[in-house]
Amino acid sequence: MLRLGHMESNAYAEHERHGHHRHGPLPTSGRALDAVAFSATLHCLTGCAIGEIVGMVVGTALGFSDWGTVALAVALAFLFGYSLTSLPLLRAGMALGAVVPIALATDTFSIATMEIVDNAIMVAVPGAMDSGVGDILFWGALSVALVVAGVIAFPVNRWLIMRGKGHAVLHETGIHGGPPTRVVAAIAAVAAVFGTAVLLAEAFDSDNPDSHGTDHALVR
């Protein structure tokens, strides 16, 4: 077990007395490892999604440049990602000095992977960054971007856990937080379907000039 500073507070002692601190060893292969990596990815995706949505909404609403909006979204994704990991540890009574290195070790690589993929997709989808929060294209592109980012981050998290890094560091504390995995997975599935439908509709519309002509005819 890692020694995570002096855990002297009553709250943290309570966790130890009730057996919440010590967990069994993490799996290193097979479906059990996949399940742990999947849960870790969804946990990280939750923080990233909150930060990305807030950053993109604020950046586009305030008229930031594409890269200004991306910078804000990335910063908030890291902030919310670290917060989801840190708050349960702090509530358990751990000192901030012990919590910070755990959060950094647990989330940094995973969040960085998601942010690179997510923002690359948002910039690459034509019109997504310029569409604004009132446009369905914005939300469709962001939904797909977040889901794809999670898919790419899954093997990264799996690889880290196998080597005792990433989520394995948080596992050593025996303290976990965040929304239930099934809820996040269900939301991600809905987002994937919604985003894919929006982008397919947008692609069909842009490739079909007759639809624009029909729209103009209807207006006249």
C-alpha atoms as a PDB file:
ATOM      1  CA  MET A   1       0.000   0.000   0.000  1.00  0.00           C
ATOM      2  CA  LEU A   2       1.063   3.548  -0.665  1.00  0.00           C
ATOM      3  CA  ARG A   3       1.601   5.762   2.382  1.00  0.00           C
ATOM      4  CA  LEU A   4      -0.444   8.821   1.539  1.00  0.00           C
ATOM      5  CA  GLY A   5       0.746  11.156   4.259  1.00  0.00           C
ATOM      6  CA  HIS A   6      -0.507  11.125   7.852  1.00  0.00           C
ATOM      7  CA  MET A   7      -4.187  10.168   7.694  1.00  0.00           C
ATOM      8  CA  GLU A   8      -5.068  11.301  11.180  1.00  0.00           C
ATOM      9  CA  SER A   9      -8.445  12.916  10.751  1.00  0.00           C
ATOM     10  CA  ASN A  10     -11.531  11.300  12.229  1.00  0.00           C
ATOM     11  CA  ALA A  11     -13.237  11.096   8.831  1.00  0.00           C
ATOM     12  CA  TYR A  12     -10.430   9.162   7.258  1.00  0.00           C
ATOM     13  CA  ALA A  13     -10.045   6.916  10.315  1.00  0.00           C
ATOM     14  CA  GLU A  14     -13.726   6.118   9.962  1.00  0.00           C
ATOM     15  CA  HIS A  15     -13.121   4.924   6.400  1.00  0.00           C
ATOM     16  CA  GLU A  16     -10.372   2.610   7.612  1.00  0.00           C
ATOM     17  CA  ARG A  17     -12.434   1.200  10.481  1.00  0.00           C
ATOM     18  CA  HIS A  18     -15.245   0.259   8.118  1.00  0.00           C
ATOM     19  CA  GLY A  19     -12.947  -1.370   5.606  1.00  0.00           C
ATOM     20  CA  HIS A  20     -13.318   1.210   2.840  1.00  0.00           C
ATOM     21  CA  HIS A  21      -9.628   1.996   2.591  1.00  0.00           C
ATOM     22  CA  ARG A  22      -8.117  -1.335   1.630  1.00  0.00           C
ATOM     23  CA  HIS A  23      -9.030  -2.870  -1.698  1.00  0.00           C
ATOM     24  CA  GLY A  24      -7.857  -6.078  -3.260  1.00  0.00           C
ATOM     25  CA  PRO A  25      -5.208  -5.980  -5.965  1.00  0.00           C
ATOM     26  CA  LEU A  26      -6.236  -4.572  -9.325  1.00  0.00           C
ATOM     27  CA  PRO A  27      -6.542  -7.089 -12.166  1.00  0.00           C
ATOM     28  CA  THR A  28      -3.751  -7.026 -14.726  1.00  0.00           C
ATOM     29  CA  SER A  29      -5.411  -8.785 -17.648  1.00  0.00           C
ATOM     30  CA  GLY A  30      -8.631 -10.035 -19.152  1.00  0.00           C
ATOM     31  CA  ARG A  31     -12.172  -8.795 -18.764  1.00  0.00           C
ATOM     32  CA  ALA A  32     -11.661  -7.772 -15.167  1.00  0.00           C
ATOM     33  CA  LEU A  33      -9.003  -5.292 -16.263  1.00  0.00           C
ATOM     34  CA  ASP A  34     -11.260  -4.108 -19.088  1.00  0.00           C
ATOM     35  CA  ALA A  35     -14.039  -3.419 -16.579  1.00  0.00           C
ATOM     36  CA  VAL A  36     -11.755  -1.379 -14.323  1.00  0.00           C
ATOM     37  CA  ALA A  37     -10.344   0.567 -17.288  1.00  0.00           C
ATOM     38  CA  PHE A  38     -13.858   1.195 -18.595  1.00  0.00           C
ATOM     39  CA  SER A  39     -14.971   2.549 -15.234  1.00  0.00           C
ATOM     40  CA  ALA A  40     -11.855   4.723 -14.955  1.00  0.00           C
ATOM     41  CA  THR A  41     -12.420   6.077 -18.463  1.00  0.00           C
ATOM     42  CA  LEU A  42     -16.033   6.995 -17.751  1.00  0.00           C
ATOM     43  CA  HIS A  43     -14.986   8.685 -14.515  1.00  0.00           C
ATOM     44  CA  CYS A  44     -12.438  10.775 -16.394  1.00  0.00           C
ATOM     45  CA  LEU A  45     -14.857  11.408 -19.255  1.00  0.00           C
ATOM     46  CA  THR A  46     -17.379  12.885 -16.807  1.00  0.00           C
ATOM     47  CA  GLY A  47     -14.988  15.607 -15.699  1.00  0.00           C
ATOM     48  CA  CYS A  48     -13.804  16.247 -19.234  1.00  0.00           C
ATOM     49  CA  ALA A  49     -17.355  16.503 -20.552  1.00  0.00           C
ATOM     50  CA  ILE A  50     -18.388  18.999 -17.884  1.00  0.00           C
ATOM     51  CA  GLY A  51     -15.319  21.148 -18.523  1.00  0.00           C
ATOM     52  CA  GLU A  52     -15.615  20.899 -22.301  1.00  0.00           C
ATOM     53  CA  ILE A  53     -19.292  21.822 -22.357  1.00  0.00           C
ATOM     54  CA  VAL A  54     -18.831  24.776 -20.020  1.00  0.00           C
ATOM     55  CA  GLY A  55     -15.718  25.940 -21.882  1.00  0.00           C
ATOM     56  CA  MET A  56     -17.254  25.606 -25.333  1.00  0.00           C
ATOM     57  CA  VAL A  57     -20.482  27.297 -24.297  1.00  0.00           C
ATOM     58  CA  VAL A  58     -18.718  30.215 -22.611  1.00  0.00           C
ATOM     59  CA  GLY A  59     -16.108  30.580 -25.349  1.00  0.00           C
ATOM     60  CA  THR A  60     -18.587  30.611 -28.216  1.00  0.00           C
ATOM     61  CA  ALA A  61     -21.088  32.789 -26.345  1.00  0.00           C
ATOM     62  CA  LEU A  62     -18.403  35.394 -25.647  1.00  0.00           C
ATOM     63  CA  GLY A  63     -17.083  35.281 -29.193  1.00  0.00           C
ATOM     64  CA  PHE A  64     -13.664  33.835 -28.394  1.00  0.00           C
ATOM     65  CA  SER A  65     -11.488  32.687 -31.276  1.00  0.00           C
ATOM     66  CA  ASP A  66     -11.445  28.957 -32.006  1.00  0.00           C
ATOM     67  CA  TRP A  67      -8.173  28.500 -30.168  1.00  0.00           C
ATOM     68  CA  GLY A  68      -9.275  30.738 -27.312  1.00  0.00           C
ATOM     69  CA  THR A  69     -12.357  28.582 -26.855  1.00  0.00           C
ATOM     70  CA  VAL A  70     -10.267  25.418 -27.057  1.00  0.00           C
ATOM     71  CA  ALA A  71      -7.855  26.758 -24.430  1.00  0.00           C
ATOM     72  CA  LEU A  72     -10.711  27.573 -22.055  1.00  0.00           C
ATOM     73  CA  ALA A  73     -12.355  24.182 -22.593  1.00  0.00           C
ATOM     74  CA  VAL A  74      -9.083  22.332 -21.966  1.00  0.00           C
ATOM     75  CA  ALA A  75      -8.378  24.286 -18.780  1.00  0.00           C
ATOM     76  CA  LEU A  76     -11.859  23.612 -17.417  1.00  0.00           C
ATOM     77  CA  ALA A  77     -11.715  19.942 -18.402  1.00  0.00           C
ATOM     78  CA  PHE A  78      -8.585  19.496 -16.303  1.00  0.00           C
ATOM     79  CA  LEU A  79     -10.121  21.501 -13.463  1.00  0.00           C
ATOM     80  CA  PHE A  80     -13.317  19.453 -13.326  1.00  0.00           C
ATOM     81  CA  GLY A  81     -11.471  16.185 -13.923  1.00  0.00           C
ATOM     82  CA  TYR A  82      -9.111  16.754 -11.024  1.00  0.00           C
ATOM     83  CA  SER A  83     -11.984  17.983  -8.864  1.00  0.00           C
ATOM     84  CA  LEU A  84     -14.024  14.793  -9.314  1.00  0.00           C
ATOM     85  CA  THR A  85     -11.062  12.786  -8.091  1.00  0.00           C
ATOM     86  CA  SER A  86     -10.012  15.156  -5.319  1.00  0.00           C
ATOM     87  CA  LEU A  87     -13.300  16.011  -3.614  1.00  0.00           C
ATOM     88  CA  PRO A  88     -14.080  12.487  -2.294  1.00  0.00           C
ATOM     89  CA  LEU A  89     -10.535  12.245  -0.933  1.00  0.00           C
ATOM     90  CA  LEU A  90     -10.804  15.629   0.753  1.00  0.00           C
ATOM     91  CA  ARG A  91     -14.208  14.754   2.208  1.00  0.00           C
ATOM     92  CA  ALA A  92     -12.649  11.583   3.616  1.00  0.00           C
ATOM     93  CA  GLY A  93     -10.234  13.747   5.551  1.00  0.00           C
ATOM     94  CA  MET A  94      -7.084  13.486   3.483  1.00  0.00           C
ATOM     95  CA  ALA A  95      -4.804  16.498   3.456  1.00  0.00           C
ATOM     96  CA  LEU A  96      -4.662  18.617   0.317  1.00  0.00           C
ATOM     97  CA  GLY A  97      -0.930  17.960   0.053  1.00  0.00           C
ATOM     98  CA  ALA A  98      -1.629  14.230  -0.224  1.00  0.00           C
ATOM     99  CA  VAL A  99      -4.613  14.616  -2.554  1.00  0.00           C
ATOM    100  CA  VAL A 100      -2.950  16.768  -5.224  1.00  0.00           C
ATOM    101  CA  PRO A 101      -0.296  14.219  -6.308  1.00  0.00           C
ATOM    102  CA  ILE A 102      -2.927  11.460  -6.362  1.00  0.00           C
ATOM    103  CA  ALA A 103      -5.217  13.500  -8.626  1.00  0.00           C
ATOM    104  CA  LEU A 104      -2.343  14.439 -10.915  1.00  0.00           C
ATOM    105  CA  ALA A 105      -1.143  10.849 -11.199  1.00  0.00           C
ATOM    106  CA  THR A 106      -4.655   9.483 -11.682  1.00  0.00           C
ATOM    107  CA  ASP A 107      -6.064  11.830 -14.302  1.00  0.00           C
ATOM    108  CA  THR A 108      -3.410  13.799 -16.174  1.00  0.00           C
ATOM    109  CA  PHE A 109      -2.530  11.361 -18.943  1.00  0.00           C
ATOM    110  CA  SER A 110      -6.147  10.300 -19.469  1.00  0.00           C
ATOM    111  CA  ILE A 111      -7.505  13.859 -19.581  1.00  0.00           C
ATOM    112  CA  ALA A 112      -4.718  14.977 -21.908  1.00  0.00           C
ATOM    113  CA  THR A 113      -5.571  12.151 -24.316  1.00  0.00           C
ATOM    114  CA  MET A 114      -9.260  13.008 -24.284  1.00  0.00           C
ATOM    115  CA  GLU A 115      -8.637  16.710 -24.758  1.00  0.00           C
ATOM    116  CA  ILE A 116      -6.359  16.230 -27.753  1.00  0.00           C
ATOM    117  CA  VAL A 117      -8.898  13.975 -29.476  1.00  0.00           C
ATOM    118  CA  ASP A 118     -11.991  15.938 -28.484  1.00  0.00           C
ATOM    119  CA  ASN A 119     -10.746  19.352 -29.554  1.00  0.00           C
ATOM    120  CA  ALA A 120      -9.160  18.028 -32.728  1.00  0.00           C
ATOM    121  CA  ILE A 121     -12.573  16.691 -33.779  1.00  0.00           C
ATOM    122  CA  MET A 122     -14.340  19.930 -32.885  1.00  0.00           C
ATOM    123  CA  VAL A 123     -11.884  21.948 -34.971  1.00  0.00           C
ATOM    124  CA  ALA A 124     -11.999  19.433 -37.835  1.00  0.00           C
ATOM    125  CA  VAL A 125     -15.814  19.295 -38.190  1.00  0.00           C
ATOM    126  CA  PRO A 126     -16.733  22.049 -40.654  1.00  0.00           C
ATOM    127  CA  GLY A 127     -18.711  24.806 -38.976  1.00  0.00           C
ATOM    128  CA  ALA A 128     -18.756  23.190 -35.521  1.00  0.00           C
ATOM    129  CA  MET A 129     -16.743  25.893 -33.776  1.00  0.00           C
ATOM    130  CA  ASP A 130     -18.615  28.701 -35.543  1.00  0.00           C
ATOM    131  CA  SER A 131     -22.105  27.274 -35.157  1.00  0.00           C
ATOM    132  CA  GLY A 132     -22.752  28.512 -31.628  1.00  0.00           C
ATOM    133  CA  VAL A 133     -24.539  26.942 -28.682  1.00  0.00           C
ATOM    134  CA  GLY A 134     -27.952  27.498 -30.263  1.00  0.00           C
ATOM    135  CA  ASP A 135     -27.095  25.314 -33.259  1.00  0.00           C
ATOM    136  CA  ILE A 136     -27.680  21.575 -33.216  1.00  0.00           C
ATOM    137  CA  LEU A 137     -24.453  21.065 -35.183  1.00  0.00           C
ATOM    138  CA  PHE A 138     -22.455  22.370 -32.218  1.00  0.00           C
ATOM    139  CA  TRP A 139     -23.994  19.862 -29.827  1.00  0.00           C
ATOM    140  CA  GLY A 140     -23.856  17.014 -32.306  1.00  0.00           C
ATOM    141  CA  ALA A 141     -20.167  17.560 -33.005  1.00  0.00           C
ATOM    142  CA  LEU A 142     -19.353  17.953 -29.309  1.00  0.00           C
ATOM    143  CA  SER A 143     -21.261  14.775 -28.438  1.00  0.00           C
ATOM    144  CA  VAL A 144     -19.370  12.721 -31.005  1.00  0.00           C
ATOM    145  CA  ALA A 145     -16.068  14.328 -30.061  1.00  0.00           C
ATOM    146  CA  LEU A 146     -16.461  13.430 -26.392  1.00  0.00           C
ATOM    147  CA  VAL A 147     -17.504   9.851 -27.084  1.00  0.00           C
ATOM    148  CA  VAL A 148     -14.638   9.267 -29.523  1.00  0.00           C
ATOM    149  CA  ALA A 149     -12.252  10.809 -26.995  1.00  0.00           C
ATOM    150  CA  GLY A 150     -13.467   8.317 -24.412  1.00  0.00           C
ATOM    151  CA  VAL A 151     -13.001   5.411 -26.809  1.00  0.00           C
ATOM    152  CA  ILE A 152      -9.424   6.469 -27.546  1.00  0.00           C
ATOM    153  CA  ALA A 153      -8.667   7.001 -23.847  1.00  0.00           C
ATOM    154  CA  PHE A 154      -9.854   3.513 -22.856  1.00  0.00           C
ATOM    155  CA  PRO A 155      -6.741   1.623 -24.022  1.00  0.00           C
ATOM    156  CA  VAL A 156      -4.591   4.389 -22.543  1.00  0.00           C
ATOM    157  CA  ASN A 157      -6.198   3.904 -19.132  1.00  0.00           C
ATOM    158  CA  ARG A 158      -5.954   0.136 -19.462  1.00  0.00           C
ATOM    159  CA  TRP A 159      -2.245   0.365 -20.223  1.00  0.00           C
ATOM    160  CA  LEU A 160      -1.666   2.687 -17.263  1.00  0.00           C
ATOM    161  CA  ILE A 161      -3.528   0.435 -14.826  1.00  0.00           C
ATOM    162  CA  MET A 162      -1.522  -2.591 -15.952  1.00  0.00           C
ATOM    163  CA  ARG A 163       1.606  -0.716 -14.915  1.00  0.00           C
ATOM    164  CA  GLY A 164       0.280   0.458 -11.572  1.00  0.00           C
ATOM    165  CA  LYS A 165      -0.301   4.005 -12.756  1.00  0.00           C
ATOM    166  CA  GLY A 166      -3.321   6.174 -13.621  1.00  0.00           C
ATOM    167  CA  HIS A 167      -6.444   4.890 -11.875  1.00  0.00           C
ATOM    168  CA  ALA A 168      -4.337   2.343  -9.979  1.00  0.00           C
ATOM    169  CA  VAL A 169      -2.973   5.202  -7.850  1.00  0.00           C
ATOM    170  CA  LEU A 170      -6.494   6.229  -6.820  1.00  0.00           C
ATOM    171  CA  HIS A 171      -7.382   2.584  -6.163  1.00  0.00           C
ATOM    172  CA  GLU A 172      -4.691   2.471  -3.492  1.00  0.00           C
ATOM    173  CA  THR A 173      -6.695   4.929  -1.392  1.00  0.00           C
ATOM    174  CA  GLY A 174      -9.855   2.835  -1.496  1.00  0.00           C
ATOM    175  CA  ILE A 175     -11.873   6.030  -1.963  1.00  0.00           C
ATOM    176  CA  HIS A 176     -13.843   6.692  -5.109  1.00  0.00           C
ATOM    177  CA  GLY A 177     -16.467   9.213  -6.098  1.00  0.00           C
ATOM    178  CA  GLY A 178     -18.359  10.555  -9.061  1.00  0.00           C
ATOM    179  CA  PRO A 179     -21.630   9.497 -10.684  1.00  0.00           C
ATOM    180  CA  PRO A 180     -22.496   5.795 -11.136  1.00  0.00           C
ATOM    181  CA  THR A 181     -20.719   4.134 -14.057  1.00  0.00           C
ATOM    182  CA  ARG A 182     -23.950   2.851 -15.584  1.00  0.00           C
ATOM    183  CA  VAL A 183     -25.475   6.312 -15.647  1.00  0.00           C
ATOM    184  CA  VAL A 184     -22.447   7.799 -17.384  1.00  0.00           C
ATOM    185  CA  ALA A 185     -22.339   4.894 -19.859  1.00  0.00           C
ATOM    186  CA  ALA A 186     -26.023   5.387 -20.699  1.00  0.00           C
ATOM    187  CA  ILE A 187     -25.540   9.116 -21.249  1.00  0.00           C
ATOM    188  CA  ALA A 188     -22.509   8.432 -23.449  1.00  0.00           C
ATOM    189  CA  ALA A 189     -24.507   5.958 -25.535  1.00  0.00           C
ATOM    190  CA  VAL A 190     -27.306   8.481 -26.058  1.00  0.00           C
ATOM    191  CA  ALA A 191     -24.750  11.173 -26.928  1.00  0.00           C
ATOM    192  CA  ALA A 192     -23.123   8.879 -29.488  1.00  0.00           C
ATOM    193  CA  VAL A 193     -26.420   8.177 -31.238  1.00  0.00           C
ATOM    194  CA  PHE A 194     -27.505  11.818 -31.144  1.00  0.00           C
ATOM    195  CA  GLY A 195     -24.174  13.179 -32.352  1.00  0.00           C
ATOM    196  CA  THR A 196     -23.826  10.632 -35.133  1.00  0.00           C
ATOM    197  CA  ALA A 197     -27.333  11.375 -36.376  1.00  0.00           C
ATOM    198  CA  VAL A 198     -26.645  15.117 -36.411  1.00  0.00           C
ATOM    199  CA  LEU A 199     -23.361  14.795 -38.304  1.00  0.00           C
ATOM    200  CA  LEU A 200     -24.827  12.364 -40.822  1.00  0.00           C
ATOM    201  CA  ALA A 201     -27.753  14.703 -41.428  1.00  0.00           C
ATOM    202  CA  GLU A 202     -25.373  17.639 -41.822  1.00  0.00           C
ATOM    203  CA  ALA A 203     -23.192  15.700 -44.265  1.00  0.00           C
ATOM    204  CA  PHE A 204     -26.218  14.644 -46.324  1.00  0.00           C
ATOM    205  CA  ASP A 205     -27.550  18.176 -46.376  1.00  0.00           C
ATOM    206  CA  SER A 206     -24.239  19.657 -47.511  1.00  0.00           C
ATOM    207  CA  ASP A 207     -23.870  17.019 -50.256  1.00  0.00           C
ATOM    208  CA  ASN A 208     -27.412  17.532 -51.545  1.00  0.00           C
ATOM    209  CA  PRO A 209     -27.745  20.972 -53.172  1.00  0.00           C
ATOM    210  CA  ASP A 210     -31.342  20.168 -54.145  1.00  0.00           C
ATOM    211  CA  SER A 211     -32.338  20.340 -50.480  1.00  0.00           C
ATOM    212  CA  HIS A 212     -31.155  23.949 -50.306  1.00  0.00           C
ATOM    213  CA  GLY A 213     -33.053  24.750 -53.475  1.00  0.00           C
ATOM    214  CA  THR A 214     -36.170  23.173 -52.057  1.00  0.00           C
ATOM    215  CA  ASP A 215     -35.824  25.203 -48.886  1.00  0.00           C
ATOM    216  CA  HIS A 216     -35.564  28.419 -50.861  1.00  0.00           C
ATOM    217  CA  ALA A 217     -38.562  27.448 -52.961  1.00  0.00           C
ATOM    218  CA  LEU A 218     -40.609  26.839 -49.857  1.00  0.00           C
ATOM    219  CA  VAL A 219     -39.621  30.230 -48.502  1.00  0.00           C
ATOM    220  CA  ARG A 220     -40.780  31.916 -51.690  1.00  0.00           C
END
